[in-house]
Amino acid sequence: MAYGTKFYLLALVLLIVLELRHSVDGKSDVPCFFIFGDSLVDSGNNNNLENKGKVNYLPYGMDFPDGPTGRFTNGRTMADVLGELLGFKSFIKSFPTAKGSQILEGVNYGSGYAGIRDETGTHVTLHDLGARKMAVIGVSPIGCTPNATTFYDTNGSLCVKPMNEAVILLNELLKLLVQDLNKKLIGANFMYLEIYEIIWKFVNAPGTGGLIKSCCEVNDYGLCIRSKTPCLNRNLALFWDSFHPTEFVNLFTGTKSYSALQKIL
């Protein structure tokens, strides 16, 4: 069975933390927070681009303070939640909107349809630019997304097993890469954050099998159809559209990731 590369590019997120500082008198745990990734953390970087990977329309953002900003979910992304827990008073600005001194606090470079292959993303030698604290978040069980379970045979299970097996292999290699970077790069303190098991437990929890579906009505690209009313239980739903988690799931994964990050904070 062959699968398109877009499935394997969903969800590799790099969260860059520079110049560690512990929270004092209400200040953030770190002075700046740079976010690299795909649509799971995109906060509007695609809004003015000529592509179909943009969602600055309702029902996206219906539970976000500023409405449909271009986030691929109904509310906050995992990166938004993590930023809040790190102590930032406002959400990290997307690249087009970050101006002046705001850049010193961090920038969100996340972009829908971005990937880890050379032809889908730009590589930057972050360590050479001063990055010393980096959290690398692994890939989630994409064989359990509504898109996967709709178009591929699950053989009677909840998820598409071959896709998840490929993800597990990729995550194992990613862990080894992080370990290798810590050994080779001077002063590096990189950390691998596991997200696969978190989502897997959600999907396989008793009674959640029926929730492996899109909360909104989707188009041919798996994105919510403009202005269509979503499901009523979005505060309990697992998936917002065919690919992306709801704010409910992002709150949980963001909190779990913050707890794990305490090892390097």
C-alpha atoms as a PDB file:
ATOM      1  CA  MET A   1       0.000   0.000   0.000  1.00  0.00           C
ATOM      2  CA  ALA A   2       1.438   3.373  -1.004  1.00  0.00           C
ATOM      3  CA  TYR A   3       0.815   6.593   0.883  1.00  0.00           C
ATOM      4  CA  GLY A   4       1.424  10.164  -0.182  1.00  0.00           C
ATOM      5  CA  THR A   5       4.327  11.999   1.441  1.00  0.00           C
ATOM      6  CA  LYS A   6       1.982  14.636   2.802  1.00  0.00           C
ATOM      7  CA  PHE A   7       0.941  12.209   5.530  1.00  0.00           C
ATOM      8  CA  TYR A   8       4.512  11.704   6.685  1.00  0.00           C
ATOM      9  CA  LEU A   9       5.224  15.423   6.749  1.00  0.00           C
ATOM     10  CA  LEU A  10       2.335  16.208   9.037  1.00  0.00           C
ATOM     11  CA  ALA A  11       3.450  17.033  12.525  1.00  0.00           C
ATOM     12  CA  LEU A  12       7.201  17.382  12.788  1.00  0.00           C
ATOM     13  CA  VAL A  13       7.493  20.489  14.931  1.00  0.00           C
ATOM     14  CA  LEU A  14      10.648  22.184  16.130  1.00  0.00           C
ATOM     15  CA  LEU A  15      10.300  24.498  19.095  1.00  0.00           C
ATOM     16  CA  ILE A  16      13.400  26.603  19.614  1.00  0.00           C
ATOM     17  CA  VAL A  17      14.171  28.111  22.997  1.00  0.00           C
ATOM     18  CA  LEU A  18      17.156  30.466  23.240  1.00  0.00           C
ATOM     19  CA  GLU A  19      19.137  31.772  26.243  1.00  0.00           C
ATOM     20  CA  LEU A  20      17.561  29.920  29.126  1.00  0.00           C
ATOM     21  CA  ARG A  21      16.196  31.981  32.006  1.00  0.00           C
ATOM     22  CA  HIS A  22      13.985  30.818  34.849  1.00  0.00           C
ATOM     23  CA  SER A  23      10.767  32.627  35.620  1.00  0.00           C
ATOM     24  CA  VAL A  24      11.179  35.413  38.177  1.00  0.00           C
ATOM     25  CA  ASP A  25       8.558  37.985  39.260  1.00  0.00           C
ATOM     26  CA  GLY A  26       6.095  36.908  36.615  1.00  0.00           C
ATOM     27  CA  LYS A  27       8.581  36.913  33.765  1.00  0.00           C
ATOM     28  CA  SER A  28       8.661  34.113  31.232  1.00  0.00           C
ATOM     29  CA  ASP A  29      10.746  30.983  31.748  1.00  0.00           C
ATOM     30  CA  VAL A  30      12.754  31.931  28.671  1.00  0.00           C
ATOM     31  CA  PRO A  31      13.381  35.341  27.069  1.00  0.00           C
ATOM     32  CA  CYS A  32      12.451  34.238  23.555  1.00  0.00           C
ATOM     33  CA  PHE A  33      10.610  31.438  21.844  1.00  0.00           C
ATOM     34  CA  PHE A  34      11.092  30.588  18.155  1.00  0.00           C
ATOM     35  CA  ILE A  35       8.712  28.122  16.542  1.00  0.00           C
ATOM     36  CA  PHE A  36       9.399  26.095  13.409  1.00  0.00           C
ATOM     37  CA  GLY A  37       6.972  23.587  11.960  1.00  0.00           C
ATOM     38  CA  ASP A  38       3.980  22.941   9.753  1.00  0.00           C
ATOM     39  CA  SER A  39       0.245  23.536   9.941  1.00  0.00           C
ATOM     40  CA  LEU A  40       0.047  22.205  13.499  1.00  0.00           C
ATOM     41  CA  VAL A  41       1.720  25.401  14.705  1.00  0.00           C
ATOM     42  CA  ASP A  42       1.016  27.828  11.847  1.00  0.00           C
ATOM     43  CA  SER A  43      -0.452  31.045  13.290  1.00  0.00           C
ATOM     44  CA  GLY A  44      -1.109  32.844  10.016  1.00  0.00           C
ATOM     45  CA  ASN A  45       2.091  32.662   7.991  1.00  0.00           C
ATOM     46  CA  ASN A  46       0.215  31.351   4.952  1.00  0.00           C
ATOM     47  CA  ASN A  47      -2.567  33.948   4.914  1.00  0.00           C
ATOM     48  CA  ASN A  48      -1.137  36.059   2.108  1.00  0.00           C
ATOM     49  CA  LEU A  49       0.445  33.254   0.114  1.00  0.00           C
ATOM     50  CA  GLU A  50      -0.914  31.979  -3.189  1.00  0.00           C
ATOM     51  CA  ASN A  51      -1.687  28.440  -2.069  1.00  0.00           C
ATOM     52  CA  LYS A  52      -4.564  26.425  -0.684  1.00  0.00           C
ATOM     53  CA  GLY A  53      -2.877  25.863   2.669  1.00  0.00           C
ATOM     54  CA  LYS A  54      -4.516  28.750   4.488  1.00  0.00           C
ATOM     55  CA  VAL A  55      -7.455  28.821   6.852  1.00  0.00           C
ATOM     56  CA  ASN A  56      -8.088  32.452   7.793  1.00  0.00           C
ATOM     57  CA  TYR A  57     -11.856  31.976   7.685  1.00  0.00           C
ATOM     58  CA  LEU A  58     -14.581  30.604   9.938  1.00  0.00           C
ATOM     59  CA  PRO A  59     -15.142  28.084  11.401  1.00  0.00           C
ATOM     60  CA  TYR A  60     -11.348  28.080  11.990  1.00  0.00           C
ATOM     61  CA  GLY A  61     -10.512  30.206  15.007  1.00  0.00           C
ATOM     62  CA  MET A  62     -14.078  30.337  16.265  1.00  0.00           C
ATOM     63  CA  ASP A  63     -12.794  29.693  19.805  1.00  0.00           C
ATOM     64  CA  PHE A  64      -9.675  31.878  19.463  1.00  0.00           C
ATOM     65  CA  PRO A  65      -9.726  35.434  20.954  1.00  0.00           C
ATOM     66  CA  ASP A  66      -8.891  37.057  17.595  1.00  0.00           C
ATOM     67  CA  GLY A  67     -11.058  34.784  15.471  1.00  0.00           C
ATOM     68  CA  PRO A  68      -9.779  33.100  12.275  1.00  0.00           C
ATOM     69  CA  THR A  69      -6.124  34.173  12.288  1.00  0.00           C
ATOM     70  CA  GLY A  70      -4.878  31.335  10.085  1.00  0.00           C
ATOM     71  CA  ARG A  71      -4.509  28.686  12.786  1.00  0.00           C
ATOM     72  CA  PHE A  72      -5.535  25.220  11.582  1.00  0.00           C
ATOM     73  CA  THR A  73      -7.819  24.546  14.530  1.00  0.00           C
ATOM     74  CA  ASN A  74     -10.769  26.038  16.383  1.00  0.00           C
ATOM     75  CA  GLY A  75      -8.669  27.769  19.025  1.00  0.00           C
ATOM     76  CA  ARG A  76      -5.119  27.689  20.295  1.00  0.00           C
ATOM     77  CA  THR A  77      -2.396  25.543  18.803  1.00  0.00           C
ATOM     78  CA  MET A  78      -0.046  23.437  20.880  1.00  0.00           C
ATOM     79  CA  ALA A  79       2.624  26.131  20.437  1.00  0.00           C
ATOM     80  CA  ASP A  80       0.211  28.783  21.740  1.00  0.00           C
ATOM     81  CA  VAL A  81      -0.473  26.714  24.847  1.00  0.00           C
ATOM     82  CA  LEU A  82       3.228  26.081  25.406  1.00  0.00           C
ATOM     83  CA  GLY A  83       3.983  29.790  25.048  1.00  0.00           C
ATOM     84  CA  GLU A  84       1.362  30.639  27.655  1.00  0.00           C
ATOM     85  CA  LEU A  85       2.789  28.100  30.084  1.00  0.00           C
ATOM     86  CA  LEU A  86       6.299  29.440  29.496  1.00  0.00           C
ATOM     87  CA  GLY A  87       5.002  32.765  30.756  1.00  0.00           C
ATOM     88  CA  PHE A  88       4.615  34.877  27.639  1.00  0.00           C
ATOM     89  CA  LYS A  89       1.854  37.457  28.050  1.00  0.00           C
ATOM     90  CA  SER A  90       0.864  37.384  24.395  1.00  0.00           C
ATOM     91  CA  PHE A  91       0.989  34.812  21.621  1.00  0.00           C
ATOM     92  CA  ILE A  92       4.242  34.640  19.675  1.00  0.00           C
ATOM     93  CA  LYS A  93       3.823  36.666  16.481  1.00  0.00           C
ATOM     94  CA  SER A  94       3.757  35.049  13.061  1.00  0.00           C
ATOM     95  CA  PHE A  95       6.617  36.015  10.762  1.00  0.00           C
ATOM     96  CA  PRO A  96       4.640  38.572   8.677  1.00  0.00           C
ATOM     97  CA  THR A  97       3.276  40.345  11.767  1.00  0.00           C
ATOM     98  CA  ALA A  98       6.358  40.396  14.034  1.00  0.00           C
ATOM     99  CA  LYS A  99       7.666  43.951  14.109  1.00  0.00           C
ATOM    100  CA  GLY A 100      10.511  45.767  15.877  1.00  0.00           C
ATOM    101  CA  SER A 101      11.229  44.638  19.424  1.00  0.00           C
ATOM    102  CA  GLN A 102       8.578  41.905  19.168  1.00  0.00           C
ATOM    103  CA  ILE A 103      11.091  39.839  17.193  1.00  0.00           C
ATOM    104  CA  LEU A 104      13.343  39.717  20.267  1.00  0.00           C
ATOM    105  CA  GLU A 105      10.610  37.805  22.097  1.00  0.00           C
ATOM    106  CA  GLY A 106      10.399  35.211  19.352  1.00  0.00           C
ATOM    107  CA  VAL A 107       8.800  34.488  16.005  1.00  0.00           C
ATOM    108  CA  ASN A 108       6.453  31.766  14.797  1.00  0.00           C
ATOM    109  CA  TYR A 109       7.704  30.471  11.430  1.00  0.00           C
ATOM    110  CA  GLY A 110       5.254  27.548  11.288  1.00  0.00           C
ATOM    111  CA  SER A 111       3.713  27.161   7.847  1.00  0.00           C
ATOM    112  CA  GLY A 112       1.001  24.845   6.576  1.00  0.00           C
ATOM    113  CA  TYR A 113       2.270  22.351   3.970  1.00  0.00           C
ATOM    114  CA  ALA A 114       5.846  22.782   5.198  1.00  0.00           C
ATOM    115  CA  GLY A 115       7.870  19.584   5.624  1.00  0.00           C
ATOM    116  CA  ILE A 116      11.197  18.105   6.583  1.00  0.00           C
ATOM    117  CA  ARG A 117      12.422  17.378   3.069  1.00  0.00           C
ATOM    118  CA  ASP A 118      14.811  19.770   1.316  1.00  0.00           C
ATOM    119  CA  GLU A 119      12.244  20.718  -1.295  1.00  0.00           C
ATOM    120  CA  THR A 120       9.563  21.604   1.271  1.00  0.00           C
ATOM    121  CA  GLY A 121      11.449  23.693   3.781  1.00  0.00           C
ATOM    122  CA  THR A 122      14.440  25.964   4.361  1.00  0.00           C
ATOM    123  CA  HIS A 123      17.205  24.671   6.578  1.00  0.00           C
ATOM    124  CA  VAL A 124      18.873  27.072   9.017  1.00  0.00           C
ATOM    125  CA  THR A 125      21.896  26.246  11.129  1.00  0.00           C
ATOM    126  CA  LEU A 126      20.189  27.210  14.348  1.00  0.00           C
ATOM    127  CA  HIS A 127      23.034  26.152  16.556  1.00  0.00           C
ATOM    128  CA  ASP A 128      25.414  28.429  14.693  1.00  0.00           C
ATOM    129  CA  LEU A 129      22.966  31.285  15.249  1.00  0.00           C
ATOM    130  CA  GLY A 130      22.971  30.746  19.011  1.00  0.00           C
ATOM    131  CA  ALA A 131      20.251  28.193  19.708  1.00  0.00           C
ATOM    132  CA  ARG A 132      21.188  26.061  22.693  1.00  0.00           C
ATOM    133  CA  LYS A 133      17.861  24.891  24.102  1.00  0.00           C
ATOM    134  CA  MET A 134      15.745  23.054  21.577  1.00  0.00           C
ATOM    135  CA  ALA A 135      12.719  20.815  21.926  1.00  0.00           C
ATOM    136  CA  VAL A 136      12.022  18.495  19.011  1.00  0.00           C
ATOM    137  CA  ILE A 137       8.505  17.140  19.022  1.00  0.00           C
ATOM    138  CA  GLY A 138       7.974  13.813  17.310  1.00  0.00           C
ATOM    139  CA  VAL A 139       5.281  12.815  14.861  1.00  0.00           C
ATOM    140  CA  SER A 140       1.839  11.813  16.106  1.00  0.00           C
ATOM    141  CA  PRO A 141      -0.049   8.664  14.986  1.00  0.00           C
ATOM    142  CA  ILE A 142      -1.145  10.072  11.625  1.00  0.00           C
ATOM    143  CA  GLY A 143      -2.665   6.721  10.728  1.00  0.00           C
ATOM    144  CA  CYS A 144      -5.440   7.691  13.134  1.00  0.00           C
ATOM    145  CA  THR A 145      -6.406  10.962  11.465  1.00  0.00           C
ATOM    146  CA  PRO A 146      -9.841  11.177   9.827  1.00  0.00           C
ATOM    147  CA  ASN A 147      -8.138  11.535   6.446  1.00  0.00           C
ATOM    148  CA  ALA A 148      -6.202   8.308   6.896  1.00  0.00           C
ATOM    149  CA  THR A 149      -9.123   6.265   8.198  1.00  0.00           C
ATOM    150  CA  THR A 150     -11.394   7.581   5.439  1.00  0.00           C
ATOM    151  CA  PHE A 151      -9.164   6.825   2.467  1.00  0.00           C
ATOM    152  CA  TYR A 152      -7.177   3.760   3.579  1.00  0.00           C
ATOM    153  CA  ASP A 153      -8.086   0.324   4.862  1.00  0.00           C
ATOM    154  CA  THR A 154      -7.863  -0.029   8.642  1.00  0.00           C
ATOM    155  CA  ASN A 155      -8.417  -3.810   8.467  1.00  0.00           C
ATOM    156  CA  GLY A 156     -10.965  -3.648  11.239  1.00  0.00           C
ATOM    157  CA  SER A 157      -8.926  -1.507  13.640  1.00  0.00           C
ATOM    158  CA  LEU A 158      -9.343   2.155  14.524  1.00  0.00           C
ATOM    159  CA  CYS A 159      -6.255   3.320  12.631  1.00  0.00           C
ATOM    160  CA  VAL A 160      -4.164   2.585   9.540  1.00  0.00           C
ATOM    161  CA  LYS A 161      -1.458   0.364  11.009  1.00  0.00           C
ATOM    162  CA  PRO A 162       1.231   0.654   8.262  1.00  0.00           C
ATOM    163  CA  MET A 163       1.174   4.434   8.517  1.00  0.00           C
ATOM    164  CA  ASN A 164       1.613   4.370  12.274  1.00  0.00           C
ATOM    165  CA  GLU A 165       4.402   1.813  11.986  1.00  0.00           C
ATOM    166  CA  ALA A 166       6.246   4.202   9.675  1.00  0.00           C
ATOM    167  CA  VAL A 167       5.759   7.003  12.208  1.00  0.00           C
ATOM    168  CA  ILE A 168       7.141   4.885  15.044  1.00  0.00           C
ATOM    169  CA  LEU A 169      10.246   4.132  12.972  1.00  0.00           C
ATOM    170  CA  LEU A 170      10.715   7.811  12.115  1.00  0.00           C
ATOM    171  CA  ASN A 171      10.360   8.835  15.747  1.00  0.00           C
ATOM    172  CA  GLU A 172      12.970   6.297  16.838  1.00  0.00           C
ATOM    173  CA  LEU A 173      15.414   7.693  14.297  1.00  0.00           C
ATOM    174  CA  LEU A 174      14.555  11.204  15.437  1.00  0.00           C
ATOM    175  CA  LYS A 175      15.406  10.310  19.028  1.00  0.00           C
ATOM    176  CA  LEU A 176      18.786   9.002  17.902  1.00  0.00           C
ATOM    177  CA  LEU A 177      19.389  12.193  15.941  1.00  0.00           C
ATOM    178  CA  VAL A 178      18.682  14.344  18.997  1.00  0.00           C
ATOM    179  CA  GLN A 179      21.073  12.248  21.077  1.00  0.00           C
ATOM    180  CA  ASP A 180      23.741  12.578  18.402  1.00  0.00           C
ATOM    181  CA  LEU A 181      23.338  16.351  18.208  1.00  0.00           C
ATOM    182  CA  ASN A 182      23.745  16.667  21.963  1.00  0.00           C
ATOM    183  CA  LYS A 183      27.041  14.804  21.712  1.00  0.00           C
ATOM    184  CA  LYS A 184      28.417  16.697  18.728  1.00  0.00           C
ATOM    185  CA  LEU A 185      27.284  20.287  19.261  1.00  0.00           C
ATOM    186  CA  ILE A 186      29.034  22.339  21.922  1.00  0.00           C
ATOM    187  CA  GLY A 187      26.674  23.474  24.676  1.00  0.00           C
ATOM    188  CA  ALA A 188      23.639  21.930  23.015  1.00  0.00           C
ATOM    189  CA  ASN A 189      20.775  20.811  25.203  1.00  0.00           C
ATOM    190  CA  PHE A 190      18.278  19.349  22.776  1.00  0.00           C
ATOM    191  CA  MET A 191      15.301  17.346  23.948  1.00  0.00           C
ATOM    192  CA  TYR A 192      12.976  14.968  22.144  1.00  0.00           C
ATOM    193  CA  LEU A 193       9.345  15.278  23.215  1.00  0.00           C
ATOM    194  CA  GLU A 194       7.082  12.273  22.680  1.00  0.00           C
ATOM    195  CA  ILE A 195       3.629  13.103  21.370  1.00  0.00           C
ATOM    196  CA  TYR A 196       2.755   9.788  19.722  1.00  0.00           C
ATOM    197  CA  GLU A 197       1.782   8.042  22.957  1.00  0.00           C
ATOM    198  CA  ILE A 198      -0.291  11.020  24.135  1.00  0.00           C
ATOM    199  CA  ILE A 199      -2.465  11.027  21.015  1.00  0.00           C
ATOM    200  CA  TRP A 200      -2.527   7.234  20.881  1.00  0.00           C
ATOM    201  CA  LYS A 201      -4.009   7.070  24.379  1.00  0.00           C
ATOM    202  CA  PHE A 202      -6.658   9.621  23.412  1.00  0.00           C
ATOM    203  CA  VAL A 203      -7.637   7.674  20.311  1.00  0.00           C
ATOM    204  CA  ASN A 204      -7.768   4.328  22.107  1.00  0.00           C
ATOM    205  CA  ALA A 205      -9.520   5.503  25.272  1.00  0.00           C
ATOM    206  CA  PRO A 206     -12.867   3.757  25.895  1.00  0.00           C
ATOM    207  CA  GLY A 207     -15.678   5.458  24.028  1.00  0.00           C
ATOM    208  CA  THR A 208     -13.542   7.668  21.794  1.00  0.00           C
ATOM    209  CA  GLY A 209     -13.604   5.481  18.692  1.00  0.00           C
ATOM    210  CA  GLY A 210     -16.529   7.436  17.315  1.00  0.00           C
ATOM    211  CA  LEU A 211     -14.598  10.682  17.707  1.00  0.00           C
ATOM    212  CA  ILE A 212     -12.070   9.820  14.993  1.00  0.00           C
ATOM    213  CA  LYS A 213     -13.809  12.071  12.540  1.00  0.00           C
ATOM    214  CA  SER A 214     -13.678  15.697  11.507  1.00  0.00           C
ATOM    215  CA  CYS A 215     -15.563  18.133  13.703  1.00  0.00           C
ATOM    216  CA  CYS A 216     -16.228  20.343  10.687  1.00  0.00           C
ATOM    217  CA  GLU A 217     -17.476  19.487   7.216  1.00  0.00           C
ATOM    218  CA  VAL A 218     -14.401  19.284   4.975  1.00  0.00           C
ATOM    219  CA  ASN A 219     -13.584  20.021   1.342  1.00  0.00           C
ATOM    220  CA  ASP A 220     -11.526  17.936  -1.089  1.00  0.00           C
ATOM    221  CA  TYR A 221      -8.335  19.034   0.663  1.00  0.00           C
ATOM    222  CA  GLY A 222      -9.478  17.895   4.090  1.00  0.00           C
ATOM    223  CA  LEU A 223      -9.927  21.449   5.370  1.00  0.00           C
ATOM    224  CA  CYS A 224     -13.109  22.916   6.839  1.00  0.00           C
ATOM    225  CA  ILE A 225     -15.585  24.309   4.329  1.00  0.00           C
ATOM    226  CA  ARG A 226     -15.924  28.046   4.772  1.00  0.00           C
ATOM    227  CA  SER A 227     -18.644  29.227   7.188  1.00  0.00           C
ATOM    228  CA  LYS A 228     -20.110  25.744   7.722  1.00  0.00           C
ATOM    229  CA  THR A 229     -21.296  25.069  11.282  1.00  0.00           C
ATOM    230  CA  PRO A 230     -18.994  22.523  13.033  1.00  0.00           C
ATOM    231  CA  CYS A 231     -19.959  19.755  15.438  1.00  0.00           C
ATOM    232  CA  LEU A 232     -21.546  20.708  18.738  1.00  0.00           C
ATOM    233  CA  ASN A 233     -19.053  18.757  20.875  1.00  0.00           C
ATOM    234  CA  ARG A 234     -15.910  20.520  19.640  1.00  0.00           C
ATOM    235  CA  ASN A 235     -14.703  20.948  23.229  1.00  0.00           C
ATOM    236  CA  LEU A 236     -14.493  17.162  23.422  1.00  0.00           C
ATOM    237  CA  ALA A 237     -13.696  16.298  19.818  1.00  0.00           C
ATOM    238  CA  LEU A 238     -10.243  14.966  18.921  1.00  0.00           C
ATOM    239  CA  PHE A 239      -9.958  16.271  15.362  1.00  0.00           C
ATOM    240  CA  TRP A 240     -11.029  19.634  13.990  1.00  0.00           C
ATOM    241  CA  ASP A 241     -10.671  18.831  10.283  1.00  0.00           C
ATOM    242  CA  SER A 242      -9.263  15.793   8.467  1.00  0.00           C
ATOM    243  CA  PHE A 243      -5.739  16.342   9.783  1.00  0.00           C
ATOM    244  CA  HIS A 244      -5.532  18.717  12.721  1.00  0.00           C
ATOM    245  CA  PRO A 245      -6.412  18.317  16.406  1.00  0.00           C
ATOM    246  CA  THR A 246      -8.885  20.501  18.243  1.00  0.00           C
ATOM    247  CA  GLU A 247      -7.903  23.044  20.875  1.00  0.00           C
ATOM    248  CA  PHE A 248      -9.034  20.471  23.434  1.00  0.00           C
ATOM    249  CA  VAL A 249      -6.244  18.114  22.354  1.00  0.00           C
ATOM    250  CA  ASN A 250      -3.736  20.967  21.942  1.00  0.00           C
ATOM    251  CA  LEU A 251      -4.314  22.010  25.547  1.00  0.00           C
ATOM    252  CA  PHE A 252      -3.453  18.524  26.722  1.00  0.00           C
ATOM    253  CA  THR A 253      -0.390  18.000  24.515  1.00  0.00           C
ATOM    254  CA  GLY A 254       0.904  21.498  25.215  1.00  0.00           C
ATOM    255  CA  THR A 255       0.635  20.979  28.959  1.00  0.00           C
ATOM    256  CA  LYS A 256       2.309  17.567  28.772  1.00  0.00           C
ATOM    257  CA  SER A 257       5.135  19.000  26.667  1.00  0.00           C
ATOM    258  CA  TYR A 258       5.678  21.859  29.112  1.00  0.00           C
ATOM    259  CA  SER A 259       5.962  19.387  31.981  1.00  0.00           C
ATOM    260  CA  ALA A 260       8.563  17.391  30.035  1.00  0.00           C
ATOM    261  CA  LEU A 261      10.487  20.574  29.190  1.00  0.00           C
ATOM    262  CA  GLN A 262      11.151  21.219  32.874  1.00  0.00           C
ATOM    263  CA  LYS A 263      14.146  18.912  32.498  1.00  0.00           C
ATOM    264  CA  ILE A 264      15.982  21.537  30.448  1.00  0.00           C
ATOM    265  CA  LEU A 265      14.400  24.693  31.861  1.00  0.00           C
END
